[in-house]
Structures are given as C-alpha cells and as structure tokens.
Amino acid sequence: MQGIYTIGQDNNLFACLFYLKNGFEIGGFNNRNYRGTPQENKSDIYFYKDRDANA
C-alpha cells in the first residue's frame, strides 16, 4: 500500500488535529529525537495516510 506520512511535534496541537481531521492516522511516537537539545522535552508524532485505492 502506498501513501504519505508527516511528522508533528507533540506540542503543536493545531497541526496534530489538522492531520487527524484530514484522514491521517497516528502510526508512531518518538520521544528520543531531541535528547541533548534545547527541545529535549518534546516528542515527534508520526502521521500516516494510505493512498486512496479508488484514485
């Protein structure tokens, strides 16, 4: 199956809600990307959307 994915930070509520409202599903979570950086307390959420089989 083909599709697209995007990554949103857990503190960007508007982006996360936008992806969910537009048919994306949460497929992953990474709380280690920012270790040792000024954004250490943030995490990435991976959103996936499968390509429409009828397209």
Foldseek 3Di string as FASTA:
>chain_A
DDWDKDKDKPVCVVVVVVLVVVAWDFDDKALCPQPPHPPNRIIITMTIHHDDPVD
